[in-house]
Amino acid sequence: LGRFVTMLDGAPGYRFDDAQGGAVLALSKPS
């Protein structure tokens, strides 16, 4: 269905990309 990949734009977190590579949502841990 897709995969969570790490991202470092702003607060470190994760982005979920669907199987075609389209971004679906982002998840970050505040402080």
PDB file of all heavy atoms in Angstrom:
ATOM      1  N   LEU A   1       0.825  -1.205   0.000  1.00  0.00           N
ATOM      2  CA  LEU A   1       0.000   0.000   0.000  1.00  0.00           C
ATOM      3  C   LEU A   1       0.866   1.266   0.000  1.00  0.00           C
ATOM      4  O   LEU A   1       0.449   2.314  -0.487  1.00  0.00           O
ATOM      5  CB  LEU A   1      -0.922   0.018   1.222  1.00  0.00           C
ATOM      6  CG  LEU A   1      -1.936  -1.122   1.337  1.00  0.00           C
ATOM      7  CD1 LEU A   1      -2.717  -0.997   2.632  1.00  0.00           C
ATOM      8  CD2 LEU A   1      -2.884  -1.122   0.149  1.00  0.00           C
ATOM      9  N   GLY A   2       2.062   1.143   0.560  1.00  0.00           N
ATOM     10  CA  GLY A   2       2.954   2.289   0.631  1.00  0.00           C
ATOM     11  C   GLY A   2       3.991   2.053   1.707  1.00  0.00           C
ATOM     12  O   GLY A   2       4.150   0.948   2.226  1.00  0.00           O
ATOM     13  N   ARG A   3       4.697   3.138   2.069  1.00  0.00           N
ATOM     14  CA  ARG A   3       5.765   2.993   3.068  1.00  0.00           C
ATOM     15  C   ARG A   3       5.991   4.319   3.785  1.00  0.00           C
ATOM     16  O   ARG A   3       5.809   5.403   3.197  1.00  0.00           O
ATOM     17  CB  ARG A   3       7.064   2.531   2.409  1.00  0.00           C
ATOM     18  CG  ARG A   3       7.492   3.353   1.229  1.00  0.00           C
ATOM     19  CD  ARG A   3       8.761   2.842   0.571  1.00  0.00           C
ATOM     20  NE  ARG A   3       8.628   1.491   0.044  1.00  0.00           N
ATOM     21  CZ  ARG A   3       8.138   1.199  -1.170  1.00  0.00           C
ATOM     22  NH1 ARG A   3       7.697   2.192  -1.946  1.00  0.00           N
ATOM     23  NH2 ARG A   3       8.070  -0.037  -1.589  1.00  0.00           N
ATOM     24  N   PHE A   4       6.351   4.213   5.060  1.00  0.00           N
ATOM     25  CA  PHE A   4       6.794   5.374   5.815  1.00  0.00           C
ATOM     26  C   PHE A   4       8.291   5.551   5.591  1.00  0.00           C
ATOM     27  O   PHE A   4       9.068   4.604   5.733  1.00  0.00           O
ATOM     28  CB  PHE A   4       6.526   5.195   7.315  1.00  0.00           C
ATOM     29  CG  PHE A   4       5.105   5.474   7.721  1.00  0.00           C
ATOM     30  CD1 PHE A   4       4.228   4.438   7.994  1.00  0.00           C
ATOM     31  CD2 PHE A   4       4.652   6.778   7.847  1.00  0.00           C
ATOM     32  CE1 PHE A   4       2.934   4.688   8.379  1.00  0.00           C
ATOM     33  CE2 PHE A   4       3.346   7.048   8.232  1.00  0.00           C
ATOM     34  CZ  PHE A   4       2.482   6.001   8.501  1.00  0.00           C
ATOM     35  N   VAL A   5       8.699   6.770   5.249  1.00  0.00           N
ATOM     36  CA  VAL A   5      10.115   7.085   5.083  1.00  0.00           C
ATOM     37  C   VAL A   5      10.448   8.244   6.003  1.00  0.00           C
ATOM     38  O   VAL A   5       9.595   9.080   6.314  1.00  0.00           O
ATOM     39  CB  VAL A   5      10.450   7.440   3.615  1.00  0.00           C
ATOM     40  CG1 VAL A   5      10.220   6.254   2.707  1.00  0.00           C
ATOM     41  CG2 VAL A   5       9.620   8.639   3.146  1.00  0.00           C
ATOM     42  N   THR A   6      11.692   8.300   6.461  1.00  0.00           N
ATOM     43  CA  THR A   6      12.092   9.378   7.352  1.00  0.00           C
ATOM     44  C   THR A   6      12.211  10.688   6.578  1.00  0.00           C
ATOM     45  O   THR A   6      12.509  10.704   5.386  1.00  0.00           O
ATOM     46  CB  THR A   6      13.434   9.067   8.034  1.00  0.00           C
ATOM     47  OG1 THR A   6      14.423   8.782   7.035  1.00  0.00           O
ATOM     48  CG2 THR A   6      13.301   7.866   8.955  1.00  0.00           C
ATOM     49  N   MET A   7      11.959  11.783   7.280  1.00  0.00           N
ATOM     50  CA  MET A   7      12.110  13.110   6.684  1.00  0.00           C
ATOM     51  C   MET A   7      12.731  14.026   7.722  1.00  0.00           C
ATOM     52  O   MET A   7      12.537  13.855   8.926  1.00  0.00           O
ATOM     53  CB  MET A   7      10.773  13.659   6.198  1.00  0.00           C
ATOM     54  CG  MET A   7       9.732  13.845   7.278  1.00  0.00           C
ATOM     55  SD  MET A   7       8.184  14.525   6.622  1.00  0.00           S
ATOM     56  CE  MET A   7       7.289  14.844   8.154  1.00  0.00           C
ATOM     57  N   LEU A   8      13.481  15.022   7.254  1.00  0.00           N
ATOM     58  CA  LEU A   8      14.182  15.939   8.146  1.00  0.00           C
ATOM     59  C   LEU A   8      13.813  17.382   7.885  1.00  0.00           C
ATOM     60  O   LEU A   8      14.468  18.293   8.383  1.00  0.00           O
ATOM     61  CB  LEU A   8      15.701  15.751   8.003  1.00  0.00           C
ATOM     62  CG  LEU A   8      16.222  14.366   8.412  1.00  0.00           C
ATOM     63  CD1 LEU A   8      17.717  14.255   8.093  1.00  0.00           C
ATOM     64  CD2 LEU A   8      15.981  14.109   9.885  1.00  0.00           C
ATOM     65  N   ASP A   9      12.761  17.608   7.077  1.00  0.00           N
ATOM     66  CA  ASP A   9      12.314  18.976   6.814  1.00  0.00           C
ATOM     67  C   ASP A   9      11.583  19.492   8.048  1.00  0.00           C
ATOM     68  O   ASP A   9      10.512  18.989   8.396  1.00  0.00           O
ATOM     69  CB  ASP A   9      11.382  19.020   5.603  1.00  0.00           C
ATOM     70  CG  ASP A   9      12.089  18.609   4.328  1.00  0.00           C
ATOM     71  OD1 ASP A   9      13.321  18.761   4.290  1.00  0.00           O
ATOM     72  OD2 ASP A   9      11.417  18.134   3.397  1.00  0.00           O
ATOM     73  N   GLY A  10      12.150  20.508   8.714  1.00  0.00           N
ATOM     74  CA  GLY A  10      11.546  20.988   9.943  1.00  0.00           C
ATOM     75  C   GLY A  10      11.819  19.980  11.059  1.00  0.00           C
ATOM     76  O   GLY A  10      12.931  19.502  11.236  1.00  0.00           O
ATOM     77  N   ALA A  11      10.770  19.615  11.824  1.00  0.00           N
ATOM     78  CA  ALA A  11      10.926  18.639  12.896  1.00  0.00           C
ATOM     79  C   ALA A  11      11.133  17.255  12.293  1.00  0.00           C
ATOM     80  O   ALA A  11      10.455  16.878  11.344  1.00  0.00           O
ATOM     81  CB  ALA A  11       9.679  18.636  13.783  1.00  0.00           C
ATOM     82  N   PRO A  12      12.095  16.479  12.832  1.00  0.00           N
ATOM     83  CA  PRO A  12      12.302  15.125  12.311  1.00  0.00           C
ATOM     84  C   PRO A  12      11.020  14.310  12.411  1.00  0.00           C
ATOM     85  O   PRO A  12      10.257  14.440  13.360  1.00  0.00           O
ATOM     86  CB  PRO A  12      13.403  14.572  13.229  1.00  0.00           C
ATOM     87  CG  PRO A  12      14.087  15.766  13.786  1.00  0.00           C
ATOM     88  CD  PRO A  12      13.023  16.818  13.915  1.00  0.00           C
ATOM     89  N   GLY A  13      10.779  13.482  11.421  1.00  0.00           N
ATOM     90  CA  GLY A  13       9.568  12.681  11.442  1.00  0.00           C
ATOM     91  C   GLY A  13       9.531  11.718  10.274  1.00  0.00           C
ATOM     92  O   GLY A  13      10.567  11.325   9.731  1.00  0.00           O
ATOM     93  N   TYR A  14       8.316  11.343   9.875  1.00  0.00           N
ATOM     94  CA  TYR A  14       8.109  10.365   8.818  1.00  0.00           C
ATOM     95  C   TYR A  14       7.057  10.877   7.840  1.00  0.00           C
ATOM     96  O   TYR A  14       6.143  11.621   8.216  1.00  0.00           O
ATOM     97  CB  TYR A  14       7.621   9.035   9.398  1.00  0.00           C
ATOM     98  CG  TYR A  14       8.617   8.347  10.303  1.00  0.00           C
ATOM     99  CD1 TYR A  14       8.732   8.709  11.644  1.00  0.00           C
ATOM    100  CD2 TYR A  14       9.433   7.320   9.833  1.00  0.00           C
ATOM    101  CE1 TYR A  14       9.639   8.081  12.483  1.00  0.00           C
ATOM    102  CE2 TYR A  14      10.337   6.674  10.669  1.00  0.00           C
ATOM    103  CZ  TYR A  14      10.431   7.062  11.990  1.00  0.00           C
ATOM    104  OH  TYR A  14      11.337   6.426  12.813  1.00  0.00           O
ATOM    105  N   ARG A  15       7.173  10.458   6.594  1.00  0.00           N
ATOM    106  CA  ARG A  15       6.174  10.741   5.577  1.00  0.00           C
ATOM    107  C   ARG A  15       5.697   9.409   5.018  1.00  0.00           C
ATOM    108  O   ARG A  15       6.498   8.516   4.744  1.00  0.00           O
ATOM    109  CB  ARG A  15       6.791  11.587   4.458  1.00  0.00           C
ATOM    110  CG  ARG A  15       5.778  12.005   3.378  1.00  0.00           C
ATOM    111  CD  ARG A  15       6.462  12.755   2.230  1.00  0.00           C
ATOM    112  NE  ARG A  15       7.278  11.853   1.413  1.00  0.00           N
ATOM    113  CZ  ARG A  15       8.612  11.924   1.345  1.00  0.00           C
ATOM    114  NH1 ARG A  15       9.275  12.832   2.022  1.00  0.00           N
ATOM    115  NH2 ARG A  15       9.287  11.073   0.578  1.00  0.00           N
ATOM    116  N   PHE A  16       4.370   9.285   4.848  1.00  0.00           N
ATOM    117  CA  PHE A  16       3.849   8.075   4.220  1.00  0.00           C
ATOM    118  C   PHE A  16       3.628   8.342   2.743  1.00  0.00           C
ATOM    119  O   PHE A  16       2.897   9.260   2.361  1.00  0.00           O
ATOM    120  CB  PHE A  16       2.526   7.634   4.852  1.00  0.00           C
ATOM    121  CG  PHE A  16       1.986   6.367   4.241  1.00  0.00           C
ATOM    122  CD1 PHE A  16       2.556   5.142   4.529  1.00  0.00           C
ATOM    123  CD2 PHE A  16       0.925   6.408   3.339  1.00  0.00           C
ATOM    124  CE1 PHE A  16       2.080   3.969   3.949  1.00  0.00           C
ATOM    125  CE2 PHE A  16       0.438   5.249   2.762  1.00  0.00           C
ATOM    126  CZ  PHE A  16       1.016   4.024   3.064  1.00  0.00           C
ATOM    127  N   ASP A  17       4.299   7.556   1.903  1.00  0.00           N
ATOM    128  CA  ASP A  17       4.128   7.613   0.454  1.00  0.00           C
ATOM    129  C   ASP A  17       3.366   6.375   0.011  1.00  0.00           C
ATOM    130  O   ASP A  17       3.660   5.259   0.469  1.00  0.00           O
ATOM    131  CB  ASP A  17       5.482   7.636  -0.252  1.00  0.00           C
ATOM    132  CG  ASP A  17       6.268   8.900   0.024  1.00  0.00           C
ATOM    133  OD1 ASP A  17       5.642   9.913   0.392  1.00  0.00           O
ATOM    134  OD2 ASP A  17       7.510   8.871  -0.118  1.00  0.00           O
ATOM    135  N   ASP A  18       2.390   6.556  -0.891  1.00  0.00           N
ATOM    136  CA  ASP A  18       1.650   5.401  -1.387  1.00  0.00           C
ATOM    137  C   ASP A  18       2.529   4.582  -2.331  1.00  0.00           C
ATOM    138  O   ASP A  18       3.689   4.924  -2.590  1.00  0.00           O
ATOM    139  CB  ASP A  18       0.339   5.824  -2.057  1.00  0.00           C
ATOM    140  CG  ASP A  18       0.538   6.718  -3.275  1.00  0.00           C
ATOM    141  OD1 ASP A  18       1.634   6.671  -3.882  1.00  0.00           O
ATOM    142  OD2 ASP A  18      -0.399   7.451  -3.635  1.00  0.00           O
ATOM    143  N   ALA A  19       1.975   3.491  -2.843  1.00  0.00           N
ATOM    144  CA  ALA A  19       2.761   2.564  -3.667  1.00  0.00           C
ATOM    145  C   ALA A  19       3.269   3.220  -4.941  1.00  0.00           C
ATOM    146  O   ALA A  19       4.254   2.758  -5.535  1.00  0.00           O
ATOM    147  CB  ALA A  19       1.925   1.330  -4.000  1.00  0.00           C
ATOM    148  N   GLN A  20       2.634   4.323  -5.382  1.00  0.00           N
ATOM    149  CA  GLN A  20       3.076   5.038  -6.585  1.00  0.00           C
ATOM    150  C   GLN A  20       4.041   6.175  -6.256  1.00  0.00           C
ATOM    151  O   GLN A  20       4.485   6.904  -7.141  1.00  0.00           O
ATOM    152  CB  GLN A  20       1.862   5.606  -7.346  1.00  0.00           C
ATOM    153  CG  GLN A  20       0.981   4.566  -8.004  1.00  0.00           C
ATOM    154  CD  GLN A  20       0.132   3.807  -7.012  1.00  0.00           C
ATOM    155  OE1 GLN A  20      -0.414   4.411  -6.077  1.00  0.00           O
ATOM    156  NE2 GLN A  20      -0.014   2.504  -7.194  1.00  0.00           N
ATOM    157  N   GLY A  21       4.354   6.361  -4.963  1.00  0.00           N
ATOM    158  CA  GLY A  21       5.285   7.400  -4.555  1.00  0.00           C
ATOM    159  C   GLY A  21       4.650   8.719  -4.192  1.00  0.00           C
ATOM    160  O   GLY A  21       5.358   9.682  -3.896  1.00  0.00           O
ATOM    161  N   GLY A  22       3.319   8.802  -4.188  1.00  0.00           N
ATOM    162  CA  GLY A  22       2.641  10.040  -3.820  1.00  0.00           C
ATOM    163  C   GLY A  22       2.548  10.204  -2.315  1.00  0.00           C
ATOM    164  O   GLY A  22       2.247   9.250  -1.593  1.00  0.00           O
ATOM    165  N   ALA A  23       2.824  11.415  -1.807  1.00  0.00           N
ATOM    166  CA  ALA A  23       2.759  11.676  -0.375  1.00  0.00           C
ATOM    167  C   ALA A  23       1.308  11.650   0.096  1.00  0.00           C
ATOM    168  O   ALA A  23       0.417  12.207  -0.550  1.00  0.00           O
ATOM    169  CB  ALA A  23       3.386  13.023  -0.055  1.00  0.00           C
ATOM    170  N   VAL A  24       1.066  11.001   1.230  1.00  0.00           N
ATOM    171  CA  VAL A  24      -0.287  10.856   1.772  1.00  0.00           C
ATOM    172  C   VAL A  24      -0.429  11.586   3.095  1.00  0.00           C
ATOM    173  O   VAL A  24      -1.405  12.300   3.323  1.00  0.00           O
ATOM    174  CB  VAL A  24      -0.652   9.364   1.942  1.00  0.00           C
ATOM    175  CG1 VAL A  24      -2.001   9.200   2.620  1.00  0.00           C
ATOM    176  CG2 VAL A  24      -0.644   8.655   0.592  1.00  0.00           C
ATOM    177  N   LEU A  25       0.530  11.412   3.994  1.00  0.00           N
ATOM    178  CA  LEU A  25       0.481  12.109   5.280  1.00  0.00           C
ATOM    179  C   LEU A  25       1.882  12.198   5.860  1.00  0.00           C
ATOM    180  O   LEU A  25       2.812  11.537   5.395  1.00  0.00           O
ATOM    181  CB  LEU A  25      -0.491  11.439   6.258  1.00  0.00           C
ATOM    182  CG  LEU A  25      -0.305   9.963   6.636  1.00  0.00           C
ATOM    183  CD1 LEU A  25       0.777   9.772   7.686  1.00  0.00           C
ATOM    184  CD2 LEU A  25      -1.612   9.395   7.167  1.00  0.00           C
ATOM    185  N   ALA A  26       2.024  13.038   6.884  1.00  0.00           N
ATOM    186  CA  ALA A  26       3.298  13.220   7.570  1.00  0.00           C
ATOM    187  C   ALA A  26       3.080  13.078   9.061  1.00  0.00           C
ATOM    188  O   ALA A  26       2.020  13.427   9.594  1.00  0.00           O
ATOM    189  CB  ALA A  26       3.887  14.595   7.253  1.00  0.00           C
ATOM    190  N   LEU A  27       4.093  12.548   9.727  1.00  0.00           N
ATOM    191  CA  LEU A  27       3.999  12.305  11.168  1.00  0.00           C
ATOM    192  C   LEU A  27       5.269  12.831  11.823  1.00  0.00           C
ATOM    193  O   LEU A  27       6.374  12.531  11.373  1.00  0.00           O
ATOM    194  CB  LEU A  27       3.825  10.814  11.413  1.00  0.00           C
ATOM    195  CG  LEU A  27       3.472  10.347  12.821  1.00  0.00           C
ATOM    196  CD1 LEU A  27       2.625   9.077  12.744  1.00  0.00           C
ATOM    197  CD2 LEU A  27       4.732  10.069  13.627  1.00  0.00           C
ATOM    198  N   SER A  28       5.113  13.644  12.876  1.00  0.00           N
ATOM    199  CA  SER A  28       6.267  14.211  13.565  1.00  0.00           C
ATOM    200  C   SER A  28       6.052  14.132  15.075  1.00  0.00           C
ATOM    201  O   SER A  28       4.920  14.069  15.560  1.00  0.00           O
ATOM    202  CB  SER A  28       6.495  15.666  13.146  1.00  0.00           C
ATOM    203  OG  SER A  28       5.367  16.461  13.469  1.00  0.00           O
ATOM    204  N   LYS A  29       7.160  14.123  15.802  1.00  0.00           N
ATOM    205  CA  LYS A  29       7.110  14.068  17.266  1.00  0.00           C
ATOM    206  C   LYS A  29       7.563  15.408  17.812  1.00  0.00           C
ATOM    207  O   LYS A  29       8.734  15.765  17.716  1.00  0.00           O
ATOM    208  CB  LYS A  29       8.000  12.949  17.791  1.00  0.00           C
ATOM    209  CG  LYS A  29       7.919  12.744  19.312  1.00  0.00           C
ATOM    210  CD  LYS A  29       8.782  11.573  19.736  1.00  0.00           C
ATOM    211  CE  LYS A  29       8.647  11.305  21.231  1.00  0.00           C
ATOM    212  NZ  LYS A  29       9.089  12.429  22.065  1.00  0.00           N
ATOM    213  N   PRO A  30       6.634  16.184  18.387  1.00  0.00           N
ATOM    214  CA  PRO A  30       7.009  17.508  18.881  1.00  0.00           C
ATOM    215  C   PRO A  30       7.793  17.438  20.189  1.00  0.00           C
ATOM    216  O   PRO A  30       7.364  16.820  21.162  1.00  0.00           O
ATOM    217  CB  PRO A  30       5.650  18.190  19.086  1.00  0.00           C
ATOM    218  CG  PRO A  30       4.705  17.061  19.371  1.00  0.00           C
ATOM    219  CD  PRO A  30       5.210  15.893  18.573  1.00  0.00           C
ATOM    220  N   SER A  31       8.963  18.045  20.199  1.00  0.00           N
ATOM    221  CA  SER A  31       9.753  18.199  21.413  1.00  0.00           C
ATOM    222  C   SER A  31       9.914  16.863  22.128  1.00  0.00           C
ATOM    223  O   SER A  31      10.139  15.830  21.506  1.00  0.00           O
ATOM    224  CB  SER A  31       9.077  19.240  22.312  1.00  0.00           C
ATOM    225  OG  SER A  31       9.838  19.504  23.457  1.00  0.00           O
TER     226      SER A  31
END
